Structure formats: C-alpha cells, structure tokens
Protein backbone atom coordinates (compact mmCIF):
# COMPACT_ATOMS: atom_id res chain seq x y z
CA MET A 1 99.84 131.49 79.86
CA THR A 2 97.79 134.66 79.62
CA ASN A 3 95.45 135.40 82.47
CA PRO A 4 92.03 134.57 81.01
CA ALA A 5 90.58 137.65 82.67
CA ARG A 6 92.79 139.63 80.29
CA LEU A 7 92.51 137.18 77.41
CA ARG A 8 88.80 137.49 77.01
CA ARG A 9 89.04 141.23 76.50
CA SER A 10 91.71 140.83 73.84
CA ILE A 11 89.58 138.71 71.49
CA SER A 12 89.41 140.74 68.27
CA HIS A 13 86.10 141.46 66.66
CA SER A 14 87.89 140.79 63.39
CA CYS A 15 87.70 137.06 64.13
CA TRP A 16 83.88 137.30 64.18
CA GLN A 17 83.44 137.38 60.44
CA ARG A 18 80.57 139.46 59.07
CA THR A 19 79.91 137.77 55.82
CA GLY A 20 77.03 138.14 53.39
CA LEU A 21 75.81 134.73 54.53
CA ALA A 22 75.80 135.91 58.11
CA LEU A 23 73.73 138.95 57.21
CA ALA A 24 71.21 136.73 55.43
CA LEU A 25 71.00 134.52 58.54
CA LEU A 26 70.59 137.55 60.76
CA SER A 27 67.45 138.73 58.94
CA ALA A 28 65.84 135.41 59.64
CA LEU A 29 66.50 135.45 63.41
CA ALA A 30 64.09 136.80 65.97
CA LEU A 31 66.48 138.83 68.11
CA VAL A 32 65.66 140.89 71.20
CA THR A 33 67.85 143.83 72.15
CA ILE A 34 68.33 144.97 75.71
CA GLN A 35 65.85 147.66 76.77
CA PRO A 36 66.85 150.78 78.77
CA ALA A 37 67.46 150.49 82.49
CA VAL A 38 64.50 150.18 84.85
CA ALA A 39 64.26 151.89 88.27
CA GLN A 40 66.20 150.05 90.94
CA THR A 41 68.02 151.01 94.12
CA PHE A 42 71.77 150.58 93.70
CA THR A 43 74.28 150.68 96.58
CA VAL A 44 78.00 150.16 96.70
CA LEU A 45 78.52 147.96 99.74
CA HIS A 46 82.34 147.98 99.67
CA ASP A 47 84.94 149.93 97.73
CA PHE A 48 88.21 147.93 97.72
CA THR A 49 91.48 149.68 98.47
CA GLY A 50 93.89 147.00 97.26
CA GLY A 51 95.40 146.66 100.72
CA ALA A 52 94.35 144.58 103.69
CA ASP A 53 90.80 144.36 102.35
CA GLY A 54 91.96 143.02 98.99
CA GLY A 55 91.11 144.24 95.50
CA ASN A 56 90.10 143.30 91.97
CA PRO A 57 87.41 140.63 92.68
CA GLU A 58 86.99 138.40 89.65
CA SER A 59 84.03 136.17 90.49
CA ALA A 60 80.58 135.87 91.99
CA LEU A 61 79.66 136.03 95.65
CA ALA A 62 78.17 133.35 97.88
CA VAL A 63 75.39 134.18 100.34
CA ASP A 64 74.48 132.23 103.52
CA ALA A 65 71.09 131.78 105.20
CA GLY A 66 71.76 134.86 107.34
CA GLY A 67 72.32 137.12 104.35
CA ASN A 68 76.07 137.38 104.84
CA LEU A 69 78.15 137.67 101.66
CA TYR A 70 81.42 135.77 100.93
CA GLY A 71 83.82 136.40 98.11
CA THR A 72 87.40 136.51 96.92
CA ALA A 73 89.78 139.26 95.89
CA SER A 74 92.51 138.40 93.45
CA ILE A 75 95.07 140.81 94.97
CA GLY A 76 95.69 142.46 98.36
CA GLY A 77 96.26 141.00 101.77
CA ALA A 78 99.80 139.68 101.61
CA GLY A 79 99.80 140.43 97.90
CA TYR A 80 98.27 137.21 96.64
CA GLY A 81 94.58 137.72 97.28
CA LEU A 82 92.16 136.78 100.04
CA VAL A 83 88.72 135.45 100.98
CA PHE A 84 86.41 137.92 102.68
CA LYS A 85 83.06 138.10 104.45
CA LEU A 86 80.64 141.04 104.35
CA THR A 87 78.25 141.34 107.24
CA HIS A 88 75.32 143.69 107.50
CA LYS A 89 75.74 145.79 110.64
CA ASN A 90 72.92 148.20 111.31
CA SER A 91 72.80 150.41 108.18
CA SER A 92 76.23 149.49 106.80
CA TRP A 93 78.26 146.50 105.70
CA VAL A 94 81.50 145.45 107.37
CA LEU A 95 84.21 143.50 105.46
CA ALA A 96 86.40 141.05 107.32
CA PRO A 97 89.17 138.98 105.70
CA LEU A 98 88.70 135.26 106.44
CA TYR A 99 91.93 134.01 104.84
CA THR A 100 94.90 135.67 103.23
CA PHE A 101 96.86 133.66 100.67
CA GLN A 102 100.60 133.48 101.05
CA SER A 103 101.50 132.17 97.60
CA GLY A 104 103.73 129.12 97.59
CA SER A 105 102.05 125.88 98.58
CA ASP A 106 98.75 127.44 99.79
CA GLY A 107 97.81 129.07 96.48
CA SER A 108 97.55 132.58 95.10
CA SER A 109 95.07 134.63 93.09
CA PRO A 110 91.69 133.11 93.97
CA PHE A 111 89.53 133.05 90.85
CA GLY A 112 86.56 130.67 90.88
CA PRO A 113 83.46 131.60 92.89
CA LEU A 114 83.16 130.25 96.42
CA VAL A 115 80.59 127.56 97.16
CA PHE A 116 79.28 126.08 100.37
CA GLY A 117 79.92 122.35 100.60
CA PRO A 118 77.65 119.72 102.16
CA ASP A 119 79.54 120.20 105.42
CA GLY A 120 78.96 123.97 105.53
CA ALA A 121 82.59 124.89 104.76
CA LEU A 122 83.60 127.16 101.89
CA TYR A 123 85.29 125.70 98.84
CA GLY A 124 87.12 127.48 96.04
CA THR A 125 90.08 127.55 93.66
CA THR A 126 93.22 129.60 93.16
CA GLU A 127 94.45 130.24 89.68
CA PHE A 128 98.13 130.02 90.68
CA GLY A 129 100.30 128.74 93.54
CA GLY A 130 100.32 125.30 95.06
CA GLY A 131 103.37 124.08 93.20
CA GLY A 132 103.95 122.36 89.92
CA PRO A 133 106.01 123.59 86.98
CA CYS A 134 103.56 126.28 85.78
CA ARG A 135 104.75 129.85 85.25
CA SER A 136 102.38 132.44 83.85
CA GLY A 137 103.37 135.09 81.34
CA THR A 138 103.17 137.65 84.15
CA GLY A 139 105.46 135.71 86.48
CA PHE A 140 103.05 133.83 88.76
CA LEU A 141 104.25 130.41 89.83
CA GLY A 142 102.28 127.27 90.47
CA CYS A 143 99.45 125.44 88.62
CA GLY A 144 96.65 126.29 91.02
CA THR A 145 94.80 124.69 93.92
CA VAL A 146 91.43 123.60 95.21
CA PHE A 147 90.95 124.68 98.81
CA LYS A 148 88.57 124.43 101.72
CA LEU A 149 87.98 127.04 104.46
CA THR A 150 86.56 126.00 107.80
CA PRO A 151 85.15 128.46 110.32
CA PRO A 152 86.50 128.59 113.94
CA GLN A 153 85.24 125.80 116.09
CA THR A 154 84.42 128.17 118.99
CA VAL A 155 82.25 131.28 118.85
CA CYS A 156 84.28 134.28 117.73
CA ARG A 157 83.16 137.64 118.96
CA SER A 158 85.77 139.68 117.11
CA VAL A 159 85.25 141.34 113.73
CA ASN A 160 88.27 139.46 112.32
CA CYS A 161 87.83 135.76 112.82
CA PRO A 162 90.24 133.90 110.55
CA TRP A 163 89.12 130.62 109.03
CA THR A 164 91.38 127.60 108.57
CA GLU A 165 92.49 126.67 105.05
CA THR A 166 92.94 123.07 103.85
CA ILE A 167 94.40 122.39 100.41
CA LEU A 168 92.41 119.58 98.83
CA TYR A 169 94.49 119.32 95.69
CA ARG A 170 97.53 121.00 94.09
CA PHE A 171 97.51 120.75 90.30
CA GLN A 172 100.74 119.55 88.68
CA GLY A 173 100.31 120.90 85.15
CA ASN A 174 101.29 119.13 81.95
CA SER A 175 99.09 115.99 81.58
CA ASP A 176 97.55 116.51 84.97
CA ALA A 177 95.75 119.91 84.80
CA SER A 178 96.49 123.54 85.46
CA TYR A 179 94.77 126.84 86.26
CA PRO A 180 91.40 125.91 87.76
CA LEU A 181 89.06 128.81 87.11
CA SER A 182 85.52 127.38 87.43
CA ARG A 183 83.00 127.25 90.22
CA LEU A 184 83.09 123.83 91.96
CA THR A 185 80.20 121.38 91.69
CA PHE A 186 79.34 118.69 94.28
CA ASP A 187 77.54 115.46 93.59
CA GLY A 188 75.30 113.67 96.07
CA ALA A 189 78.21 111.68 97.46
CA GLY A 190 80.28 114.81 98.19
CA ASN A 191 82.69 114.44 95.31
CA ILE A 192 83.87 117.67 93.64
CA TYR A 193 83.91 118.47 89.87
CA GLY A 194 85.45 121.39 88.00
CA THR A 195 87.37 122.48 84.92
CA THR A 196 90.85 123.78 84.28
CA PHE A 197 91.84 126.32 81.67
CA GLU A 198 95.00 124.39 80.62
CA GLY A 199 96.59 120.97 81.12
CA GLY A 200 95.44 117.55 80.16
CA THR A 201 96.67 115.30 77.36
CA THR A 202 97.11 118.13 74.85
CA GLY A 203 97.34 121.05 77.24
CA GLN A 204 93.97 122.51 76.18
CA GLY A 205 92.07 122.05 79.43
CA THR A 206 90.25 119.42 81.43
CA VAL A 207 87.22 118.38 83.39
CA TYR A 208 88.30 116.77 86.67
CA GLU A 209 86.83 115.02 89.69
CA LEU A 210 88.11 115.07 93.31
CA VAL A 211 87.07 112.18 95.60
CA PRO A 212 87.73 112.15 99.37
CA SER A 213 89.73 109.14 100.53
CA ASN A 214 91.18 108.51 103.98
CA GLY A 215 91.51 112.15 104.90
CA SER A 216 92.86 113.29 101.55
CA TRP A 217 91.50 113.80 98.05
CA SER A 218 92.36 111.90 94.85
CA GLU A 219 92.00 113.44 91.41
CA THR A 220 90.74 111.91 88.16
CA ILE A 221 90.79 113.63 84.83
CA LEU A 222 87.39 112.87 83.31
CA HIS A 223 88.09 114.54 80.00
CA SER A 224 91.02 116.27 78.26
CA PHE A 225 90.05 118.73 75.56
CA SER A 226 91.90 118.51 72.27
CA GLY A 227 90.58 121.47 70.15
CA PRO A 228 87.90 120.00 67.85
CA ASP A 229 85.92 119.07 70.94
CA GLY A 230 86.53 122.45 72.59
CA GLU A 231 89.41 124.11 74.44
CA SER A 232 90.22 126.26 77.46
CA PRO A 233 87.07 125.68 79.57
CA HIS A 234 86.49 128.50 81.97
CA SER A 235 83.09 127.81 83.58
CA GLU A 236 81.53 125.14 85.79
CA VAL A 237 79.92 121.86 84.92
CA ILE A 238 76.37 120.99 86.05
CA PHE A 239 74.61 117.66 86.63
CA ASP A 240 71.32 116.47 85.24
CA ALA A 241 69.10 113.95 87.03
CA ALA A 242 70.72 111.06 85.15
CA GLY A 243 74.24 111.97 86.30
CA ASN A 244 75.45 113.54 83.03
CA LEU A 245 77.59 116.68 83.11
CA TYR A 246 77.05 119.76 80.90
CA GLY A 247 79.41 122.63 80.28
CA THR A 248 80.96 124.98 77.75
CA ALA A 249 84.34 125.72 76.26
CA PRO A 250 84.72 129.26 74.92
CA THR A 251 86.99 128.38 72.00
CA GLY A 252 87.74 125.37 69.81
CA GLY A 253 85.12 123.03 68.41
CA PRO A 254 84.44 122.23 64.77
CA ASN A 255 83.98 125.93 63.97
CA THR A 256 86.49 127.35 66.46
CA PHE A 257 83.85 129.54 68.16
CA GLY A 258 83.43 127.28 71.22
CA VAL A 259 81.19 124.42 72.19
CA THR A 260 78.46 123.31 74.59
CA TYR A 261 79.19 119.72 75.59
CA GLU A 262 77.84 116.79 77.58
CA LEU A 263 79.90 114.24 79.49
CA SER A 264 78.20 110.88 80.15
CA PRO A 265 79.62 108.18 82.46
CA SER A 266 80.21 104.75 80.97
CA SER A 267 81.88 101.53 81.94
CA SER A 268 85.04 102.67 80.13
CA GLY A 269 85.11 106.24 81.49
CA TRP A 270 83.35 109.47 80.61
CA VAL A 271 82.34 110.11 77.02
CA GLU A 272 82.05 113.68 75.61
CA THR A 273 79.44 114.72 73.11
CA VAL A 274 79.55 118.15 71.49
CA LEU A 275 75.92 119.32 71.65
CA TYR A 276 76.36 122.54 69.79
CA SER A 277 79.16 124.50 68.11
CA PRO A 278 78.18 127.90 66.71
CA PRO A 279 79.14 128.51 63.07
CA GLY A 280 80.09 132.11 63.81
CA TRP A 281 78.39 135.49 63.75
CA PRO A 282 75.51 136.25 64.15
CA ASN A 283 75.16 133.03 66.22
CA PRO A 284 76.20 133.37 69.88
CA SER A 285 79.95 132.67 69.90
CA PHE A 286 82.66 132.29 72.52
CA PRO A 287 80.55 130.96 75.47
CA TYR A 288 82.77 131.79 78.45
CA GLY A 289 79.81 131.45 80.79
CA GLY A 290 78.46 128.03 81.64
CA VAL A 291 74.92 126.73 80.97
CA ILE A 292 71.96 126.38 83.35
CA PHE A 293 68.85 124.26 82.97
CA GLY A 294 65.57 125.71 81.77
CA PRO A 295 62.32 123.85 81.09
CA VAL A 296 62.77 120.14 80.30
CA GLY A 297 65.05 119.74 77.31
CA THR A 298 66.51 123.26 77.31
CA LEU A 299 69.70 124.97 78.38
CA PHE A 300 70.37 128.71 78.76
CA GLY A 301 73.74 130.37 78.34
CA THR A 302 75.68 133.48 77.46
CA ALA A 303 78.25 134.24 74.78
CA LEU A 304 80.81 136.98 74.63
CA GLY A 305 80.41 137.35 70.83
CA GLY A 306 77.64 137.05 68.29
CA GLY A 307 74.23 138.65 68.28
CA THR A 308 73.12 141.59 66.12
CA SER A 309 76.16 143.76 66.89
CA ASN A 310 78.61 140.97 67.54
CA GLU A 311 78.95 142.11 71.12
CA GLY A 312 77.45 139.11 72.88
CA ALA A 313 74.16 137.33 73.37
CA VAL A 314 71.90 135.24 75.64
CA TYR A 315 70.95 131.96 73.97
CA GLN A 316 68.75 128.92 74.45
CA LEU A 317 69.58 125.37 73.35
CA SER A 318 66.65 123.03 72.81
CA ARG A 319 66.59 119.32 72.10
CA SER A 320 65.43 118.46 68.60
CA ALA A 321 65.36 115.34 66.52
CA GLY A 322 68.95 114.17 66.26
CA GLY A 323 70.54 117.06 68.11
CA TRP A 324 70.17 120.55 69.58
CA THR A 325 69.05 123.82 68.09
CA SER A 326 70.10 127.29 69.16
CA ALA A 327 67.92 130.41 69.51
CA THR A 328 69.22 133.91 70.37
CA LEU A 329 67.10 135.41 73.14
CA ALA A 330 68.92 138.79 73.50
CA SER A 331 71.73 140.73 71.84
CA PHE A 332 74.03 143.31 73.36
CA SER A 333 75.44 146.50 71.90
CA GLY A 334 76.93 149.83 72.89
CA GLY A 335 80.44 148.80 73.85
CA ASP A 336 83.18 146.21 73.55
CA GLY A 337 82.32 143.43 75.99
CA GLY A 338 79.15 141.47 76.44
CA PRO A 339 78.20 138.76 78.98
CA PHE A 340 81.12 136.77 80.32
CA ALA A 341 79.58 134.97 83.34
CA SER A 342 76.89 132.35 83.67
CA LEU A 343 73.18 133.23 84.05
CA VAL A 344 71.19 132.86 87.23
CA MET A 345 67.49 131.92 87.33
CA ASP A 346 65.12 132.83 90.15
CA ALA A 347 62.16 130.81 91.38
CA ALA A 348 59.82 132.54 88.92
CA GLY A 349 61.98 131.57 85.94
CA ASN A 350 63.46 135.07 85.33
CA LEU A 351 67.04 135.21 84.08
CA TYR A 352 69.75 137.51 85.44
CA GLY A 353 73.21 138.21 84.11
CA THR A 354 76.04 140.67 83.78
CA THR A 355 78.06 142.23 80.93
CA GLU A 356 81.68 143.07 81.32
CA ALA A 357 81.97 146.32 79.43
CA ASP A 358 79.02 147.22 77.21
CA ASN A 359 76.85 150.32 77.63
CA GLY A 360 79.76 152.74 77.58
CA GLY A 361 82.58 150.67 79.01
CA CYS A 362 81.82 149.53 82.61
CA GLY A 363 79.14 146.92 82.01
CA SER A 364 75.64 146.21 83.25
CA VAL A 365 73.26 143.91 85.10
CA PHE A 366 70.29 142.67 83.08
CA LYS A 367 67.12 140.71 83.64
CA GLY A 368 65.10 138.54 81.26
CA THR A 369 61.38 137.93 81.81
CA ARG A 370 59.45 135.30 79.87
CA SER A 371 55.82 135.51 78.72
CA GLY A 372 54.92 132.31 76.90
CA SER A 373 57.62 131.81 74.24
CA ASN A 374 58.67 135.44 74.27
CA TRP A 375 61.40 137.08 76.32
CA THR A 376 61.82 140.70 77.38
CA PHE A 377 65.25 141.81 78.52
CA SER A 378 66.01 145.04 80.37
CA ASN A 379 68.98 146.57 82.10
CA LEU A 380 68.66 146.77 85.86
CA LYS A 381 71.90 148.76 86.18
CA VAL A 382 74.36 150.44 83.83
CA PHE A 383 77.59 151.08 85.71
CA GLN A 384 79.63 154.23 86.00
CA LEU A 385 83.41 154.08 86.75
CA THR A 386 83.08 155.16 90.37
CA GLU A 387 80.47 152.46 91.00
CA GLY A 388 82.45 149.57 89.55
CA CYS A 389 83.69 148.46 86.18
CA PHE A 390 83.97 145.07 84.40
CA GLN A 391 81.29 142.74 85.72
CA TRP A 392 83.08 139.39 85.37
CA GLY A 393 81.07 137.32 87.79
CA SER A 394 77.49 136.10 87.99
CA VAL A 395 75.00 137.72 90.30
CA VAL A 396 73.62 136.10 93.40
CA LEU A 397 70.14 136.62 94.90
CA ASP A 398 69.24 136.44 98.58
CA ALA A 399 65.93 135.19 100.02
CA SER A 400 64.38 138.66 99.63
CA GLY A 401 65.24 139.01 95.93
CA ASN A 402 68.12 141.45 96.47
CA ILE A 403 70.85 141.14 93.86
CA TYR A 404 74.54 141.17 94.74
CA GLY A 405 77.71 141.11 92.67
CA THR A 406 81.30 142.31 92.28
CA SER A 407 83.09 144.62 89.83
CA TYR A 408 86.66 143.79 89.00
CA ALA A 409 87.75 147.41 88.67
CA GLY A 410 86.29 150.86 89.14
CA GLY A 411 85.47 152.46 92.48
CA THR A 412 87.28 155.38 94.03
CA TYR A 413 90.67 153.88 94.89
CA THR A 414 93.71 153.20 92.68
CA CYS A 415 95.12 149.70 92.35
CA PHE A 416 98.35 148.59 90.79
CA ALA A 417 96.29 146.01 88.91
CA GLY A 418 94.75 149.10 87.38
CA ASP A 419 91.84 149.42 84.93
CA GLY A 420 90.67 152.47 86.88
CA GLY A 421 90.23 151.19 90.40
CA CYS A 422 90.32 148.26 92.82
CA GLY A 423 86.72 147.14 92.34
CA THR A 424 83.55 147.06 94.40
CA VAL A 425 80.86 144.89 95.93
CA TRP A 426 77.35 146.13 95.13
CA GLU A 427 73.67 145.54 95.80
CA ILE A 428 70.61 146.09 93.60
CA THR A 429 67.29 146.21 95.45
CA PRO A 430 64.14 145.75 93.37
C-alpha cells in the first residue's frame, strides 16, 4: 500500500484527458480563477525539528475554547509520531507533546485530524500500527487504529503533562478495514463514524461505525466500496438532519474520476447512492477533500484535478430534478498540486481552503467570498519554503477569526522524511 500522502502527488496529469470535447465544455463554464494574495499577518508558530517535538504534520489542527491548538505529527517522538498541544504564552507559543506513539499495539503515524468528543477528550486515528496483517510498501506494520486521549485527572502545573491513550479499535485488514485516514464524526448518541483507505469486501475502502458497549467499542462496516461506486475514501463523512451520511471517494466511480456519495440508513442496512461522478477535465476531478453543507440543497467541496488548468478546483453540488448538478466556483493554476483538504465555512458563509503545492510549489491558503450567486476567491497566503510547504490539512478558525494550519514539510530544519523540511504550524491574522 502506498502512503496516500505520497500517492496524491503521483497522480499524472496525463490521466486528466484534454479532449476537444472538454475544451468545448470549458468555454461554456463560468470559472473564477484565484486572485493575488491580499494583505494578512502571517506567523510561523512552531518549526518542527523531527525530534522530540515531532515532524511532518499531515492534518488539520483542533482548537479549544481557550485558543489552545492540538495536532499530530506523523514522525518524531519515539519515531512513530505524536500528539501535541500548542499554548500561547505571553508573546510566543509553547509546544508540549501529549502522547508519543510506540508503534506495535498502540498505533503509529497519526494521520486523521483530531476532534473533541462529547466527553471533552481528543479522538483521532493512526494510519499504521495496532496489529493485523497489513504491511505498507515502506515497511510499516499494522492496519491502523482509532484512539482516545484523556487529560490528567488532576491539575498539572508542568509544561509537559502527558495524556492517557485508550485504543478504541484496532483494524484487522482484509474484509474488516485498514488504514483509517479521515477525521472522525460523532452522532448525537456518541457513536463514531469514519472511512478507511483500504479494506472491506473488495479491499477498496470502507465507511465504518464504532459503537460503545460495556466499556469497549464494537465496529460495523456500513459500506464497502467496490470501484464503480468509488474507491479509496480519504476524507470524513458528515450527517444531515435526517441522519444520512455524505462523503467523497477520490477515485473510482462510473468515470473513474471519483464520486460524491450519500449513505442512507434502512431496515436492511445502509444504502449508498452516487450523487455525482465527474466525467473528467475540465470538471473538478479526484475529490480527496470531503464535502460541507452550504445553503439548503447544496454541498461544497474541493478537487485535486480539473478546472481551467487541470490543477484543481472548488465546486458546488446543487439538487436538481432527478439528481445533482456541479458548478465550478474557482480554478487553480501555477503549480502541480491544487486543494487536497476539505473546505471550512465561517459564520458569514465565507469559504477557506488550502492547496498543497500550487503557486510555485509550496501551496497556499485561499478564501472565497459570496455576493449573491457570484463568488470571489483570493489567496490569503502563498507559502515560501522556509515558512512551510505542502498544505495537506484544512484550516481551523478560532473565535477571533484567526486562521491556523500545518505544513507537512518546509521550515528551517531537515527531516529524514524530507521534502525540504520537517514542517510548521502557522497562523494567519486578518
């Protein structure tokens, strides 16, 4: 199995066919390109070294009510990654490891973003470790885990206050599931939902549910992808008010360019419906990021391919008679890597997202502002190598509107995982 963080950058533009038909379709689309960067204050909050503080963060941060930041690093610590907390102290930020993974049964290489559960604990996933027969192409063992981190029960006055890890589930691979990469989603009863990149009936990924039962958690595979209905889901699922789940798979589908799907509960189990499968360029293709809800009857998402330059796009899906229609809201250009992560919407309805490597190679943070039915997109930040490179996670906003995120690589230190650095945590202040 190839690490999907590497896989997504190896997708060849040659598979996004530029046919005469596509050119004709392109002329009929109302596309918006990303405007130059607007003035913002940018600060690197932490420059990872790859050692005790970790390195190469691959996902979004979580923020608590006090403005503290929580995240994961895929390497460092004991060598298998860690969970960290960043606390604002006076005029600087202090990083403290909360838990260091040991590989083996407790997991390794945390990947999915952390989330706060209903009980206030942190929940997340590791791509590897935990057991099972899985072995990656790079030698990592184990099929991955879902874990919970609980803070100390007594007040800790030290900078380093380790949290306690509890493994909720160890994936077993094969027909079970393997390699959980997505953000976790809770329902109102406290059950957990997520996706796995591989495993299931045909080995092409799953949507799963974890239910607490007598002090442990039981797993149910809600859907196994088979190819025509999508494959290799990477992102989270979200609930609507009726209890249906929505998500994306970046490849597979009727046209092989990925799908947006809905899972609906029924008396005989969950039923999948493919809502949209792009027919290829210039339509937004390869939706690695998940979808979020917009106004009633709409979904917003990102795609790594498609758009005017075939370098990624922001799209909207709208309900129409008998199905869903797609509209491209913004197209990316200037490099080889568009948006990989899900969008974030603020209270005013503005959209925020990241690109992994456009605008010269290190990626960007962008914002979309709507006026009626029109959207204007602009770059808030275009990254330089020393600031951070490869924006693979979504952004997170605090109560004051400050924007935070991670860069997988870049920075000023050298990591064995390479790509020009160990990564950074950064802030953009409007």
